[in-house]
């Protein structure tokens, strides 16, 4: 059975710490930008935990 982790991953904790050190250029106020900001803060980018290993493809020989 799947059990979610008991706490945030180390990478997420590190990112939150780094986020606090990045200066804000201008406040975000409009609804569209706030929506996009929320989306990216929830899912910033794909978190690769492993690379899929495929068997080498058989090439054609001339």
PDB file of N, CA and C in Angstrom:
ATOM      1  N   UNK A   1       0.836  -1.166   0.000  1.00  0.00           N
ATOM      2  CA  UNK A   1       0.000   0.000   0.000  1.00  0.00           C
ATOM      3  C   UNK A   1       0.891   1.243   0.000  1.00  0.00           C
ATOM      4  N   UNK A   2       0.451   2.263  -0.711  1.00  0.00           N
ATOM      5  CA  UNK A   2       1.202   3.518  -0.777  1.00  0.00           C
ATOM      6  C   UNK A   2       1.048   4.295   0.519  1.00  0.00           C
ATOM      7  N   UNK A   3       2.139   4.751   1.041  1.00  0.00           N
ATOM      8  CA  UNK A   3       2.106   5.622   2.221  1.00  0.00           C
ATOM      9  C   UNK A   3       2.849   6.904   1.870  1.00  0.00           C
ATOM     10  N   UNK A   4       2.187   8.035   2.009  1.00  0.00           N
ATOM     11  CA  UNK A   4       2.875   9.290   1.701  1.00  0.00           C
ATOM     12  C   UNK A   4       4.013   9.530   2.693  1.00  0.00           C
ATOM     13  N   UNK A   5       5.025  10.262   2.283  1.00  0.00           N
ATOM     14  CA  UNK A   5       6.138  10.538   3.193  1.00  0.00           C
ATOM     15  C   UNK A   5       5.657  11.309   4.413  1.00  0.00           C
ATOM     16  N   UNK A   6       6.363  11.119   5.517  1.00  0.00           N
ATOM     17  CA  UNK A   6       5.962  11.759   6.770  1.00  0.00           C
ATOM     18  C   UNK A   6       6.240  13.256   6.773  1.00  0.00           C
ATOM     19  N   UNK A   7       7.142  13.718   5.944  1.00  0.00           N
ATOM     20  CA  UNK A   7       7.471  15.140   5.895  1.00  0.00           C
ATOM     21  C   UNK A   7       7.949  15.513   4.512  1.00  0.00           C
ATOM     22  N   UNK A   8       8.228  16.790   4.303  1.00  0.00           N
ATOM     23  CA  UNK A   8       8.691  17.215   2.973  1.00  0.00           C
ATOM     24  C   UNK A   8      10.088  16.677   2.678  1.00  0.00           C
ATOM     25  N   UNK A   9      10.349  16.486   1.397  1.00  0.00           N
ATOM     26  CA  UNK A   9      11.666  16.021   0.969  1.00  0.00           C
ATOM     27  C   UNK A   9      12.708  17.097   1.241  1.00  0.00           C
ATOM     28  N   UNK A  10      13.952  16.677   1.369  1.00  0.00           N
ATOM     29  CA  UNK A  10      15.048  17.610   1.653  1.00  0.00           C
ATOM     30  C   UNK A  10      15.157  18.685   0.576  1.00  0.00           C
ATOM     31  N   UNK A  11      14.912  18.311  -0.693  1.00  0.00           N
ATOM     32  CA  UNK A  11      15.006  19.281  -1.784  1.00  0.00           C
ATOM     33  C   UNK A  11      13.958  20.378  -1.631  1.00  0.00           C
ATOM     34  N   UNK A  12      12.776  20.006  -1.199  1.00  0.00           N
ATOM     35  CA  UNK A  12      11.695  20.981  -1.032  1.00  0.00           C
ATOM     36  C   UNK A  12      12.028  21.938   0.103  1.00  0.00           C
ATOM     37  N   UNK A  13      12.562  21.422   1.183  1.00  0.00           N
ATOM     38  CA  UNK A  13      12.949  22.273   2.313  1.00  0.00           C
ATOM     39  C   UNK A  13      14.039  23.248   1.884  1.00  0.00           C
ATOM     40  N   UNK A  14      15.011  22.756   1.117  1.00  0.00           N
ATOM     41  CA  UNK A  14      16.083  23.621   0.627  1.00  0.00           C
ATOM     42  C   UNK A  14      15.527  24.710  -0.284  1.00  0.00           C
ATOM     43  N   UNK A  15      14.600  24.347  -1.179  1.00  0.00           N
ATOM     44  CA  UNK A  15      13.998  25.328  -2.089  1.00  0.00           C
ATOM     45  C   UNK A  15      13.250  26.414  -1.326  1.00  0.00           C
ATOM     46  N   UNK A  16      12.536  26.031  -0.280  1.00  0.00           N
ATOM     47  CA  UNK A  16      11.803  27.018   0.508  1.00  0.00           C
ATOM     48  C   UNK A  16      12.768  27.995   1.177  1.00  0.00           C
ATOM     49  N   UNK A  17      13.904  27.493   1.634  1.00  0.00           N
ATOM     50  CA  UNK A  17      14.913  28.371   2.221  1.00  0.00           C
ATOM     51  C   UNK A  17      15.498  29.326   1.193  1.00  0.00           C
ATOM     52  N   UNK A  18      15.756  28.815  -0.009  1.00  0.00           N
ATOM     53  CA  UNK A  18      16.289  29.669  -1.074  1.00  0.00           C
ATOM     54  C   UNK A  18      15.263  30.708  -1.511  1.00  0.00           C
ATOM     55  N   UNK A  19      13.998  30.319  -1.535  1.00  0.00           N
ATOM     56  CA  UNK A  19      12.933  31.239  -1.938  1.00  0.00           C
ATOM     57  C   UNK A  19      12.925  32.494  -1.065  1.00  0.00           C
ATOM     58  N   UNK A  20      13.185  32.307   0.213  1.00  0.00           N
ATOM     59  CA  UNK A  20      13.181  33.437   1.142  1.00  0.00           C
ATOM     60  C   UNK A  20      14.327  34.414   0.876  1.00  0.00           C
ATOM     61  N   UNK A  21      15.387  33.972   0.172  1.00  0.00           N
ATOM     62  CA  UNK A  21      16.543  34.842  -0.067  1.00  0.00           C
ATOM     63  C   UNK A  21      16.466  35.593  -1.394  1.00  0.00           C
ATOM     64  N   UNK A  22      15.501  35.246  -2.251  1.00  0.00           N
ATOM     65  CA  UNK A  22      15.392  35.889  -3.567  1.00  0.00           C
ATOM     66  C   UNK A  22      14.600  37.188  -3.415  1.00  0.00           C
ATOM     67  N   UNK A  23      15.180  38.316  -3.816  1.00  0.00           N
ATOM     68  CA  UNK A  23      14.463  39.585  -3.658  1.00  0.00           C
ATOM     69  C   UNK A  23      13.263  39.686  -4.604  1.00  0.00           C
ATOM     70  N   UNK A  24      12.217  40.325  -4.133  1.00  0.00           N
ATOM     71  CA  UNK A  24      11.022  40.542  -4.946  1.00  0.00           C
ATOM     72  C   UNK A  24      11.181  41.845  -5.717  1.00  0.00           C
ATOM     73  N   UNK A  25      10.998  41.810  -7.030  1.00  0.00           N
ATOM     74  CA  UNK A  25      11.155  43.010  -7.856  1.00  0.00           C
ATOM     75  C   UNK A  25       9.941  43.912  -7.703  1.00  0.00           C
ATOM     76  N   UNK A  26       8.764  43.322  -7.817  1.00  0.00           N
ATOM     77  CA  UNK A  26       7.520  44.081  -7.679  1.00  0.00           C
ATOM     78  C   UNK A  26       6.451  43.124  -7.154  1.00  0.00           C
ATOM     79  N   UNK A  27       5.529  43.620  -6.359  1.00  0.00           N
ATOM     80  CA  UNK A  27       4.472  42.740  -5.864  1.00  0.00           C
ATOM     81  C   UNK A  27       3.538  42.299  -6.986  1.00  0.00           C
ATOM     82  N   UNK A  28       3.034  41.076  -6.865  1.00  0.00           N
ATOM     83  CA  UNK A  28       2.081  40.547  -7.842  1.00  0.00           C
ATOM     84  C   UNK A  28       0.687  40.844  -7.309  1.00  0.00           C
ATOM     85  N   UNK A  29      -0.117  41.538  -8.131  1.00  0.00           N
ATOM     86  CA  UNK A  29      -1.415  41.965  -7.634  1.00  0.00           C
ATOM     87  C   UNK A  29      -2.605  41.486  -8.467  1.00  0.00           C
ATOM     88  N   UNK A  30      -2.434  41.306  -9.784  1.00  0.00           N
ATOM     89  CA  UNK A  30      -3.601  40.960 -10.597  1.00  0.00           C
ATOM     90  C   UNK A  30      -3.946  39.477 -10.464  1.00  0.00           C
ATOM     91  N   UNK A  31      -5.222  39.142 -10.658  1.00  0.00           N
ATOM     92  CA  UNK A  31      -5.737  37.794 -10.427  1.00  0.00           C
ATOM     93  C   UNK A  31      -5.073  36.753 -11.329  1.00  0.00           C
ATOM     94  N   UNK A  32      -4.841  37.097 -12.589  1.00  0.00           N
ATOM     95  CA  UNK A  32      -4.222  36.145 -13.512  1.00  0.00           C
ATOM     96  C   UNK A  32      -2.815  35.771 -13.081  1.00  0.00           C
ATOM     97  N   UNK A  33      -2.027  36.761 -12.710  1.00  0.00           N
ATOM     98  CA  UNK A  33      -0.656  36.505 -12.273  1.00  0.00           C
ATOM     99  C   UNK A  33      -0.627  35.730 -10.963  1.00  0.00           C
ATOM    100  N   UNK A  34      -1.544  36.031 -10.052  1.00  0.00           N
ATOM    101  CA  UNK A  34      -1.613  35.300  -8.786  1.00  0.00           C
ATOM    102  C   UNK A  34      -1.976  33.833  -9.029  1.00  0.00           C
ATOM    103  N   UNK A  35      -2.845  33.589  -9.999  1.00  0.00           N
ATOM    104  CA  UNK A  35      -3.225  32.221 -10.338  1.00  0.00           C
ATOM    105  C   UNK A  35      -2.036  31.446 -10.896  1.00  0.00           C
ATOM    106  N   UNK A  36      -1.287  32.077 -11.794  1.00  0.00           N
ATOM    107  CA  UNK A  36      -0.104  31.435 -12.372  1.00  0.00           C
ATOM    108  C   UNK A  36       0.956  31.208 -11.295  1.00  0.00           C
ATOM    109  N   UNK A  37       1.137  32.177 -10.416  1.00  0.00           N
ATOM    110  CA  UNK A  37       2.097  32.034  -9.327  1.00  0.00           C
ATOM    111  C   UNK A  37       1.733  30.834  -8.452  1.00  0.00           C
ATOM    112  N   UNK A  38       0.460  30.713  -8.099  1.00  0.00           N
ATOM    113  CA  UNK A  38       0.016  29.598  -7.264  1.00  0.00           C
ATOM    114  C   UNK A  38       0.259  28.262  -7.961  1.00  0.00           C
ATOM    115  N   UNK A  39       0.008  28.211  -9.270  1.00  0.00           N
ATOM    116  CA  UNK A  39       0.217  26.979 -10.018  1.00  0.00           C
ATOM    117  C   UNK A  39       1.689  26.563  -9.979  1.00  0.00           C
ATOM    118  N   UNK A  40       2.592  27.512 -10.231  1.00  0.00           N
ATOM    119  CA  UNK A  40       4.014  27.179 -10.248  1.00  0.00           C
ATOM    120  C   UNK A  40       4.566  26.908  -8.859  1.00  0.00           C
ATOM    121  N   UNK A  41       4.007  27.500  -7.834  1.00  0.00           N
ATOM    122  CA  UNK A  41       4.479  27.208  -6.482  1.00  0.00           C
ATOM    123  C   UNK A  41       4.007  25.832  -6.032  1.00  0.00           C
ATOM    124  N   UNK A  42       2.848  25.390  -6.513  1.00  0.00           N
ATOM    125  CA  UNK A  42       2.358  24.060  -6.190  1.00  0.00           C
ATOM    126  C   UNK A  42       3.134  22.998  -6.955  1.00  0.00           C
ATOM    127  N   UNK A  43       3.387  23.235  -8.231  1.00  0.00           N
ATOM    128  CA  UNK A  43       4.095  22.286  -9.105  1.00  0.00           C
ATOM    129  C   UNK A  43       5.188  23.030  -9.854  1.00  0.00           C
ATOM    130  N   UNK A  44       6.329  23.303  -9.200  1.00  0.00           N
ATOM    131  CA  UNK A  44       7.343  24.150  -9.835  1.00  0.00           C
ATOM    132  C   UNK A  44       7.956  23.572 -11.100  1.00  0.00           C
ATOM    133  N   UNK A  45       8.203  22.312 -11.132  1.00  0.00           N
ATOM    134  CA  UNK A  45       8.777  21.655 -12.291  1.00  0.00           C
ATOM    135  C   UNK A  45       8.758  20.161 -12.000  1.00  0.00           C
ATOM    136  N   UNK A  46       8.917  19.347 -13.034  1.00  0.00           N
ATOM    137  CA  UNK A  46       8.928  17.898 -12.771  1.00  0.00           C
ATOM    138  C   UNK A  46      10.106  17.524 -11.879  1.00  0.00           C
ATOM    139  N   UNK A  47       9.829  16.741 -10.895  1.00  0.00           N
ATOM    140  CA  UNK A  47      10.889  16.253 -10.005  1.00  0.00           C
ATOM    141  C   UNK A  47      11.274  14.855 -10.459  1.00  0.00           C
ATOM    142  N   UNK A  48      12.421  14.758 -11.090  1.00  0.00           N
ATOM    143  CA  UNK A  48      12.877  13.465 -11.568  1.00  0.00           C
ATOM    144  C   UNK A  48      13.538  12.732 -10.412  1.00  0.00           C
ATOM    145  N   UNK A  49      13.039  11.568 -10.114  1.00  0.00           N
ATOM    146  CA  UNK A  49      13.639  10.771  -9.059  1.00  0.00           C
ATOM    147  C   UNK A  49      14.500   9.655  -9.624  1.00  0.00           C
ATOM    148  N   UNK A  50      14.305   9.324 -10.892  1.00  0.00           N
ATOM    149  CA  UNK A  50      15.115   8.306 -11.547  1.00  0.00           C
ATOM    150  C   UNK A  50      14.969   8.462 -13.063  1.00  0.00           C
ATOM    151  N   UNK A  51      15.882   7.864 -13.780  1.00  0.00           N
ATOM    152  CA  UNK A  51      15.810   7.839 -15.238  1.00  0.00           C
ATOM    153  C   UNK A  51      15.360   6.457 -15.668  1.00  0.00           C
ATOM    154  N   UNK A  52      14.432   6.422 -16.590  1.00  0.00           N
ATOM    155  CA  UNK A  52      13.980   5.142 -17.114  1.00  0.00           C
ATOM    156  C   UNK A  52      15.106   4.513 -17.924  1.00  0.00           C
ATOM    157  N   UNK A  53      15.374   3.275 -17.674  1.00  0.00           N
ATOM    158  CA  UNK A  53      16.419   2.554 -18.418  1.00  0.00           C
ATOM    159  C   UNK A  53      15.744   1.685 -19.461  1.00  0.00           C
ATOM    160  N   UNK A  54      16.081   1.929 -20.697  1.00  0.00           N
ATOM    161  CA  UNK A  54      15.556   1.127 -21.791  1.00  0.00           C
ATOM    162  C   UNK A  54      16.683   0.281 -22.354  1.00  0.00           C
ATOM    163  N   UNK A  55      16.346  -0.901 -22.810  1.00  0.00           N
ATOM    164  CA  UNK A  55      17.392  -1.697 -23.455  1.00  0.00           C
ATOM    165  C   UNK A  55      17.819  -1.014 -24.757  1.00  0.00           C
ATOM    166  N   UNK A  56      19.066  -1.140 -25.138  1.00  0.00           N
ATOM    167  CA  UNK A  56      19.508  -0.503 -26.375  1.00  0.00           C
ATOM    168  C   UNK A  56      18.716  -1.026 -27.567  1.00  0.00           C
ATOM    169  N   UNK A  57      18.372  -0.128 -28.452  1.00  0.00           N
ATOM    170  CA  UNK A  57      17.624  -0.522 -29.651  1.00  0.00           C
ATOM    171  C   UNK A  57      18.589  -1.193 -30.629  1.00  0.00           C
ATOM    172  N   UNK A  58      18.109  -2.211 -31.261  1.00  0.00           N
ATOM    173  CA  UNK A  58      18.924  -2.890 -32.270  1.00  0.00           C
ATOM    174  C   UNK A  58      18.970  -2.028 -33.522  1.00  0.00           C
ATOM    175  N   UNK A  59      20.141  -1.659 -33.942  1.00  0.00           N
ATOM    176  CA  UNK A  59      20.296  -0.836 -35.140  1.00  0.00           C
ATOM    177  C   UNK A  59      20.398  -1.691 -36.381  1.00  0.00           C
ATOM    178  N   UNK A  60      20.098  -1.088 -37.495  1.00  0.00           N
ATOM    179  CA  UNK A  60      20.243  -1.819 -38.754  1.00  0.00           C
ATOM    180  C   UNK A  60      21.681  -1.707 -39.218  1.00  0.00           C
ATOM    181  N   UNK A  61      22.163  -2.808 -39.703  1.00  0.00           N
ATOM    182  CA  UNK A  61      23.534  -2.801 -40.228  1.00  0.00           C
ATOM    183  C   UNK A  61      23.484  -2.936 -41.728  1.00  0.00           C
ATOM    184  N   UNK A  62      24.334  -2.185 -42.366  1.00  0.00           N
ATOM    185  CA  UNK A  62      24.371  -2.215 -43.832  1.00  0.00           C
ATOM    186  C   UNK A  62      25.323  -3.251 -44.335  1.00  0.00           C
TER     187      UNK A  62
END
